[in-house]
Amino acid sequence: MSSSSKRISNNYKTSVLEEEEEFSLVVSKGRDLLENKTEFQTDEWVWTRDLDDGGIFFFCYLLIDYRQQTLNKNSLRESVHTLNLLLNKMVPPREKTGLPLLGEFQVIFTLYERLKREEMTWDDCEKYIMEQISEHQNSN
């Protein structure tokens, strides 16, 4: 392997590690918030205790919309579960897409922002996600 190939490979590995670290930091802060802030200790928030890391990541992002009153508690819960479902059901495995971890979430966040403006069928959502993945692949 040439030195430039090694440098590119090392830069990619560093980028992947930084993204995973950023993801872990957001999830850690989100869990800390849910476990320690009085606001989230009521029965209305019990559903958050069952969230996986992806769900916590989505929760942290959507908490902004909740705070801005774009979402109420019920729509926050529904949106977190829906986005996590979309991530797990619509985004192909990373090995097939080449998307980094945060890239997968970005595809879903982009879809979420679009869904806030317009209604889309499941098929339209799948098509949109594949277009977003393709755009990401072409930009790298």
N, C-alpha and C. Protein backbone atom coordinates (compact mmCIF):
# COMPACT_ATOMS: atom_id res chain seq x y z
N MET A 1 0.86 -1.18 0.00
CA MET A 1 0.00 0.00 0.00
C MET A 1 0.90 1.23 0.00
N SER A 2 0.61 2.17 -0.88
CA SER A 2 1.41 3.39 -0.96
C SER A 2 1.15 4.26 0.27
N SER A 3 2.05 5.22 0.49
CA SER A 3 1.89 6.09 1.65
C SER A 3 0.63 6.94 1.55
N SER A 4 0.26 7.34 0.31
CA SER A 4 -0.97 8.14 0.17
C SER A 4 -2.20 7.28 0.45
N SER A 5 -2.16 6.00 0.05
CA SER A 5 -3.27 5.09 0.35
C SER A 5 -3.39 4.86 1.85
N LYS A 6 -2.24 4.72 2.52
CA LYS A 6 -2.26 4.55 3.97
C LYS A 6 -2.82 5.79 4.66
N ARG A 7 -2.44 6.96 4.16
CA ARG A 7 -2.91 8.22 4.75
C ARG A 7 -4.43 8.34 4.58
N ILE A 8 -4.95 8.01 3.39
CA ILE A 8 -6.39 8.06 3.15
C ILE A 8 -7.10 7.06 4.06
N SER A 9 -6.54 5.85 4.17
CA SER A 9 -7.13 4.82 5.03
C SER A 9 -7.14 5.27 6.49
N ASN A 10 -6.03 5.85 6.94
CA ASN A 10 -5.95 6.34 8.32
C ASN A 10 -6.91 7.49 8.56
N ASN A 11 -7.04 8.40 7.58
CA ASN A 11 -7.98 9.52 7.71
C ASN A 11 -9.41 9.00 7.81
N TYR A 12 -9.73 7.98 7.01
CA TYR A 12 -11.07 7.40 7.05
C TYR A 12 -11.33 6.77 8.41
N LYS A 13 -10.36 6.00 8.91
CA LYS A 13 -10.51 5.37 10.22
C LYS A 13 -10.69 6.41 11.31
N THR A 14 -9.92 7.49 11.24
CA THR A 14 -10.04 8.58 12.21
C THR A 14 -11.42 9.20 12.14
N SER A 15 -11.91 9.44 10.93
CA SER A 15 -13.23 10.03 10.74
C SER A 15 -14.32 9.13 11.31
N VAL A 16 -14.22 7.84 11.06
CA VAL A 16 -15.21 6.88 11.57
C VAL A 16 -15.18 6.87 13.09
N LEU A 17 -13.99 6.87 13.67
CA LEU A 17 -13.88 6.87 15.13
C LEU A 17 -14.44 8.16 15.73
N GLU A 18 -14.19 9.28 15.08
CA GLU A 18 -14.72 10.56 15.56
C GLU A 18 -16.24 10.57 15.51
N GLU A 19 -16.82 10.02 14.44
CA GLU A 19 -18.28 9.96 14.33
C GLU A 19 -18.87 9.05 15.40
N GLU A 20 -18.23 7.90 15.62
CA GLU A 20 -18.72 6.98 16.64
C GLU A 20 -18.62 7.62 18.02
N GLU A 21 -17.54 8.37 18.24
CA GLU A 21 -17.36 9.07 19.51
C GLU A 21 -18.44 10.15 19.69
N GLU A 22 -18.73 10.89 18.63
CA GLU A 22 -19.77 11.92 18.68
C GLU A 22 -21.13 11.29 18.97
N PHE A 23 -21.42 10.19 18.29
CA PHE A 23 -22.68 9.48 18.51
C PHE A 23 -22.77 9.02 19.97
N SER A 24 -21.71 8.40 20.46
CA SER A 24 -21.70 7.91 21.84
C SER A 24 -21.87 9.04 22.85
N LEU A 25 -21.26 10.18 22.57
CA LEU A 25 -21.37 11.34 23.46
C LEU A 25 -22.82 11.84 23.52
N VAL A 26 -23.47 11.95 22.37
CA VAL A 26 -24.88 12.39 22.33
C VAL A 26 -25.75 11.40 23.09
N VAL A 27 -25.54 10.11 22.85
CA VAL A 27 -26.34 9.08 23.52
C VAL A 27 -26.10 9.13 25.03
N SER A 28 -24.85 9.27 25.43
CA SER A 28 -24.52 9.33 26.86
C SER A 28 -25.18 10.54 27.53
N LYS A 29 -25.09 11.69 26.88
CA LYS A 29 -25.72 12.90 27.44
C LYS A 29 -27.24 12.75 27.47
N GLY A 30 -27.79 12.13 26.44
CA GLY A 30 -29.23 11.90 26.41
C GLY A 30 -29.69 10.99 27.53
N ARG A 31 -28.96 9.90 27.74
CA ARG A 31 -29.31 8.98 28.83
C ARG A 31 -29.18 9.69 30.18
N ASP A 32 -28.12 10.47 30.34
CA ASP A 32 -27.91 11.22 31.57
C ASP A 32 -29.08 12.18 31.82
N LEU A 33 -29.50 12.86 30.79
CA LEU A 33 -30.62 13.79 30.87
C LEU A 33 -31.89 13.06 31.31
N LEU A 34 -32.17 11.94 30.67
CA LEU A 34 -33.38 11.18 30.97
C LEU A 34 -33.36 10.56 32.37
N GLU A 35 -32.18 10.18 32.82
CA GLU A 35 -32.07 9.52 34.12
C GLU A 35 -32.00 10.50 35.28
N ASN A 36 -31.51 11.73 35.03
CA ASN A 36 -31.23 12.63 36.14
C ASN A 36 -32.05 13.91 36.19
N LYS A 37 -32.69 14.28 35.12
CA LYS A 37 -33.46 15.52 35.13
C LYS A 37 -34.88 15.22 35.62
N THR A 38 -35.30 15.95 36.61
CA THR A 38 -36.60 15.74 37.25
C THR A 38 -37.74 15.72 36.25
N GLU A 39 -37.67 16.57 35.26
CA GLU A 39 -38.72 16.66 34.24
C GLU A 39 -39.05 15.30 33.62
N PHE A 40 -38.04 14.45 33.48
CA PHE A 40 -38.21 13.17 32.79
C PHE A 40 -38.43 11.99 33.74
N GLN A 41 -38.70 12.28 35.01
CA GLN A 41 -38.88 11.21 35.99
C GLN A 41 -40.35 10.85 36.23
N THR A 42 -41.24 11.40 35.44
CA THR A 42 -42.67 11.12 35.61
C THR A 42 -43.09 9.94 34.73
N ASP A 43 -44.29 9.44 34.99
CA ASP A 43 -44.82 8.32 34.21
C ASP A 43 -44.99 8.67 32.73
N GLU A 44 -45.16 9.95 32.43
CA GLU A 44 -45.33 10.36 31.03
C GLU A 44 -44.08 10.08 30.20
N TRP A 45 -42.95 9.92 30.86
CA TRP A 45 -41.68 9.73 30.15
C TRP A 45 -41.13 8.31 30.29
N VAL A 46 -41.90 7.41 30.89
CA VAL A 46 -41.42 6.05 31.13
C VAL A 46 -41.02 5.36 29.82
N TRP A 47 -41.64 5.71 28.72
CA TRP A 47 -41.34 5.09 27.42
C TRP A 47 -39.89 5.30 27.01
N THR A 48 -39.26 6.36 27.50
CA THR A 48 -37.87 6.65 27.10
C THR A 48 -36.89 5.65 27.70
N ARG A 49 -37.29 4.96 28.75
CA ARG A 49 -36.38 4.02 29.41
C ARG A 49 -36.09 2.79 28.56
N ASP A 50 -36.96 2.54 27.58
CA ASP A 50 -36.79 1.36 26.71
C ASP A 50 -36.09 1.68 25.39
N LEU A 51 -35.66 2.92 25.21
CA LEU A 51 -35.04 3.30 23.94
C LEU A 51 -33.63 2.71 23.81
N ASP A 52 -33.32 2.24 22.61
CA ASP A 52 -31.96 1.82 22.32
C ASP A 52 -31.13 3.06 22.01
N ASP A 53 -29.86 2.87 21.69
CA ASP A 53 -28.98 4.02 21.43
C ASP A 53 -29.50 4.89 20.28
N GLY A 54 -30.00 4.26 19.23
CA GLY A 54 -30.55 5.02 18.11
C GLY A 54 -31.75 5.84 18.55
N GLY A 55 -32.60 5.25 19.36
CA GLY A 55 -33.77 5.96 19.87
C GLY A 55 -33.38 7.15 20.73
N ILE A 56 -32.36 6.97 21.56
CA ILE A 56 -31.87 8.08 22.39
C ILE A 56 -31.31 9.19 21.50
N PHE A 57 -30.59 8.81 20.46
CA PHE A 57 -30.03 9.81 19.54
C PHE A 57 -31.16 10.60 18.88
N PHE A 58 -32.18 9.91 18.40
CA PHE A 58 -33.33 10.60 17.81
C PHE A 58 -34.03 11.48 18.84
N PHE A 59 -34.18 10.96 20.06
CA PHE A 59 -34.83 11.73 21.13
C PHE A 59 -34.10 13.06 21.34
N CYS A 60 -32.78 13.02 21.40
CA CYS A 60 -32.01 14.24 21.62
C CYS A 60 -32.25 15.25 20.50
N TYR A 61 -32.30 14.78 19.28
CA TYR A 61 -32.55 15.67 18.14
C TYR A 61 -33.96 16.24 18.20
N LEU A 62 -34.94 15.39 18.46
CA LEU A 62 -36.34 15.82 18.45
C LEU A 62 -36.71 16.62 19.69
N LEU A 63 -35.90 16.54 20.72
CA LEU A 63 -36.16 17.32 21.93
C LEU A 63 -36.15 18.82 21.61
N ILE A 64 -35.38 19.21 20.62
CA ILE A 64 -35.36 20.61 20.19
C ILE A 64 -36.75 21.01 19.68
N ASP A 65 -37.35 20.17 18.84
CA ASP A 65 -38.70 20.46 18.34
C ASP A 65 -39.73 20.45 19.47
N TYR A 66 -39.53 19.58 20.45
CA TYR A 66 -40.43 19.54 21.60
C TYR A 66 -40.30 20.85 22.40
N ARG A 67 -39.09 21.28 22.63
CA ARG A 67 -38.86 22.52 23.39
C ARG A 67 -39.42 23.73 22.65
N GLN A 68 -39.39 23.69 21.33
CA GLN A 68 -39.92 24.80 20.52
C GLN A 68 -41.43 24.64 20.29
N GLN A 69 -41.99 23.62 20.90
CA GLN A 69 -43.42 23.31 20.83
C GLN A 69 -43.90 22.97 19.42
N THR A 70 -42.98 22.50 18.59
CA THR A 70 -43.34 21.95 17.28
C THR A 70 -43.96 20.57 17.49
N LEU A 71 -43.48 19.87 18.52
CA LEU A 71 -44.00 18.56 18.89
C LEU A 71 -44.53 18.61 20.31
N ASN A 72 -45.64 17.91 20.56
CA ASN A 72 -46.08 17.73 21.94
C ASN A 72 -45.51 16.40 22.44
N LYS A 73 -45.79 16.04 23.69
CA LYS A 73 -45.21 14.81 24.25
C LYS A 73 -45.58 13.57 23.44
N ASN A 74 -46.85 13.49 23.05
CA ASN A 74 -47.28 12.32 22.29
C ASN A 74 -46.63 12.26 20.92
N SER A 75 -46.55 13.39 20.24
CA SER A 75 -45.94 13.38 18.90
C SER A 75 -44.43 13.20 19.00
N LEU A 76 -43.82 13.64 20.10
CA LEU A 76 -42.39 13.38 20.31
C LEU A 76 -42.15 11.88 20.41
N ARG A 77 -42.94 11.23 21.25
CA ARG A 77 -42.81 9.78 21.42
C ARG A 77 -43.02 9.05 20.10
N GLU A 78 -44.09 9.40 19.41
CA GLU A 78 -44.40 8.76 18.13
C GLU A 78 -43.29 9.00 17.12
N SER A 79 -42.77 10.21 17.07
CA SER A 79 -41.72 10.55 16.10
C SER A 79 -40.42 9.81 16.39
N VAL A 80 -40.05 9.72 17.67
CA VAL A 80 -38.83 8.99 18.03
C VAL A 80 -38.95 7.54 17.58
N HIS A 81 -40.07 6.90 17.91
CA HIS A 81 -40.26 5.50 17.53
C HIS A 81 -40.33 5.33 16.01
N THR A 82 -40.99 6.25 15.33
CA THR A 82 -41.11 6.16 13.88
C THR A 82 -39.76 6.33 13.20
N LEU A 83 -38.98 7.32 13.62
CA LEU A 83 -37.67 7.53 12.99
C LEU A 83 -36.74 6.35 13.25
N ASN A 84 -36.81 5.79 14.44
CA ASN A 84 -35.98 4.62 14.74
C ASN A 84 -36.41 3.44 13.88
N LEU A 85 -37.71 3.28 13.68
CA LEU A 85 -38.23 2.22 12.81
C LEU A 85 -37.76 2.45 11.37
N LEU A 86 -37.87 3.69 10.90
CA LEU A 86 -37.42 4.00 9.53
C LEU A 86 -35.94 3.68 9.35
N LEU A 87 -35.14 4.04 10.35
CA LEU A 87 -33.70 3.75 10.28
C LEU A 87 -33.46 2.25 10.16
N ASN A 88 -34.15 1.49 10.99
CA ASN A 88 -33.92 0.04 11.02
C ASN A 88 -34.55 -0.72 9.86
N LYS A 89 -35.62 -0.18 9.27
CA LYS A 89 -36.32 -0.90 8.20
C LYS A 89 -35.99 -0.40 6.80
N MET A 90 -35.65 0.87 6.67
CA MET A 90 -35.46 1.43 5.32
C MET A 90 -34.01 1.62 4.91
N VAL A 91 -33.14 1.85 5.86
CA VAL A 91 -31.74 2.09 5.50
C VAL A 91 -31.03 0.74 5.44
N PRO A 92 -30.50 0.40 4.26
CA PRO A 92 -29.77 -0.87 4.13
C PRO A 92 -28.56 -0.90 5.06
N PRO A 93 -28.02 -2.09 5.31
CA PRO A 93 -26.84 -2.21 6.17
C PRO A 93 -25.68 -1.34 5.68
N ARG A 94 -24.90 -0.87 6.62
CA ARG A 94 -23.77 0.02 6.34
C ARG A 94 -22.80 -0.59 5.32
N GLU A 95 -22.65 -1.91 5.36
CA GLU A 95 -21.73 -2.57 4.42
C GLU A 95 -22.19 -2.37 2.98
N LYS A 96 -23.49 -2.25 2.77
CA LYS A 96 -24.02 -2.09 1.41
C LYS A 96 -24.04 -0.63 0.96
N THR A 97 -24.26 0.28 1.91
CA THR A 97 -24.41 1.69 1.53
C THR A 97 -23.10 2.46 1.60
N GLY A 98 -22.21 2.03 2.48
CA GLY A 98 -20.99 2.78 2.69
C GLY A 98 -21.20 4.03 3.53
N LEU A 99 -22.42 4.20 4.04
CA LEU A 99 -22.71 5.36 4.88
C LEU A 99 -22.04 5.21 6.24
N PRO A 100 -21.47 6.27 6.76
CA PRO A 100 -20.99 6.22 8.14
C PRO A 100 -22.19 6.24 9.08
N LEU A 101 -21.96 5.94 10.33
CA LEU A 101 -23.03 5.88 11.32
C LEU A 101 -23.87 7.15 11.33
N LEU A 102 -23.24 8.30 11.45
CA LEU A 102 -24.00 9.55 11.49
C LEU A 102 -24.64 9.86 10.14
N GLY A 103 -24.08 9.33 9.06
CA GLY A 103 -24.68 9.49 7.74
C GLY A 103 -26.03 8.82 7.66
N GLU A 104 -26.16 7.65 8.30
CA GLU A 104 -27.45 6.96 8.34
C GLU A 104 -28.49 7.81 9.04
N PHE A 105 -28.10 8.39 10.16
CA PHE A 105 -29.04 9.24 10.90
C PHE A 105 -29.36 10.50 10.11
N GLN A 106 -28.37 11.04 9.41
CA GLN A 106 -28.61 12.25 8.62
C GLN A 106 -29.64 12.00 7.53
N VAL A 107 -29.59 10.84 6.92
CA VAL A 107 -30.59 10.48 5.89
C VAL A 107 -31.99 10.50 6.51
N ILE A 108 -32.13 9.94 7.69
CA ILE A 108 -33.44 9.90 8.35
C ILE A 108 -33.86 11.30 8.81
N PHE A 109 -32.92 12.09 9.32
CA PHE A 109 -33.25 13.46 9.74
C PHE A 109 -33.70 14.30 8.54
N THR A 110 -33.07 14.09 7.40
CA THR A 110 -33.46 14.81 6.19
C THR A 110 -34.89 14.43 5.80
N LEU A 111 -35.19 13.15 5.88
CA LEU A 111 -36.56 12.69 5.61
C LEU A 111 -37.54 13.30 6.62
N TYR A 112 -37.16 13.32 7.88
CA TYR A 112 -38.02 13.90 8.93
C TYR A 112 -38.35 15.36 8.62
N GLU A 113 -37.33 16.12 8.24
CA GLU A 113 -37.56 17.54 7.93
C GLU A 113 -38.50 17.68 6.73
N ARG A 114 -38.37 16.79 5.77
CA ARG A 114 -39.26 16.85 4.61
C ARG A 114 -40.69 16.46 5.00
N LEU A 115 -40.80 15.45 5.87
CA LEU A 115 -42.13 15.01 6.30
C LEU A 115 -42.85 16.08 7.13
N LYS A 116 -42.09 16.97 7.74
CA LYS A 116 -42.73 18.08 8.47
C LYS A 116 -43.42 19.04 7.51
N ARG A 117 -42.96 19.06 6.26
CA ARG A 117 -43.51 19.99 5.26
C ARG A 117 -44.56 19.34 4.36
N GLU A 118 -44.44 18.03 4.15
CA GLU A 118 -45.36 17.37 3.22
C GLU A 118 -45.59 15.92 3.61
N GLU A 119 -46.75 15.41 3.25
CA GLU A 119 -47.05 14.01 3.50
C GLU A 119 -46.44 13.16 2.39
N MET A 120 -45.95 11.99 2.79
CA MET A 120 -45.35 11.07 1.82
C MET A 120 -45.82 9.66 2.14
N THR A 121 -46.00 8.86 1.10
CA THR A 121 -46.33 7.45 1.30
C THR A 121 -45.07 6.71 1.73
N TRP A 122 -45.25 5.49 2.20
CA TRP A 122 -44.11 4.65 2.59
C TRP A 122 -43.18 4.47 1.39
N ASP A 123 -43.76 4.20 0.22
CA ASP A 123 -42.95 4.02 -1.00
C ASP A 123 -42.17 5.28 -1.34
N ASP A 124 -42.82 6.44 -1.19
CA ASP A 124 -42.12 7.71 -1.45
C ASP A 124 -40.98 7.91 -0.46
N CYS A 125 -41.19 7.52 0.79
CA CYS A 125 -40.14 7.62 1.80
C CYS A 125 -38.96 6.73 1.43
N GLU A 126 -39.25 5.49 1.02
CA GLU A 126 -38.18 4.57 0.62
C GLU A 126 -37.39 5.14 -0.55
N LYS A 127 -38.09 5.67 -1.54
CA LYS A 127 -37.44 6.25 -2.71
C LYS A 127 -36.57 7.43 -2.30
N TYR A 128 -37.09 8.29 -1.44
CA TYR A 128 -36.35 9.46 -0.98
C TYR A 128 -35.08 9.05 -0.23
N ILE A 129 -35.20 8.04 0.62
CA ILE A 129 -34.04 7.55 1.37
C ILE A 129 -32.97 7.02 0.41
N MET A 130 -33.39 6.26 -0.59
CA MET A 130 -32.41 5.72 -1.54
C MET A 130 -31.74 6.85 -2.33
N GLU A 131 -32.49 7.89 -2.65
CA GLU A 131 -31.91 9.06 -3.33
C GLU A 131 -30.88 9.74 -2.43
N GLN A 132 -31.20 9.87 -1.15
CA GLN A 132 -30.28 10.50 -0.21
C GLN A 132 -29.00 9.67 -0.06
N ILE A 133 -29.16 8.36 0.01
CA ILE A 133 -27.99 7.48 0.12
C ILE A 133 -27.13 7.62 -1.13
N SER A 134 -27.76 7.63 -2.29
CA SER A 134 -27.04 7.77 -3.56
C SER A 134 -26.29 9.10 -3.61
N GLU A 135 -26.94 10.17 -3.18
CA GLU A 135 -26.27 11.48 -3.15
C GLU A 135 -25.05 11.45 -2.25
N HIS A 136 -25.19 10.79 -1.09
CA HIS A 136 -24.07 10.70 -0.16
C HIS A 136 -22.93 9.91 -0.78
N GLN A 137 -23.26 8.80 -1.43
CA GLN A 137 -22.23 7.97 -2.06
C GLN A 137 -21.51 8.73 -3.17
N ASN A 138 -22.24 9.52 -3.94
CA ASN A 138 -21.64 10.29 -5.03
C ASN A 138 -20.78 11.44 -4.53
N SER A 139 -21.07 11.92 -3.33
CA SER A 139 -20.29 13.05 -2.80
C SER A 139 -19.01 12.58 -2.12
N ASN A 140 -18.87 11.28 -1.90
CA ASN A 140 -17.66 10.77 -1.25
C ASN A 140 -16.74 10.10 -2.22
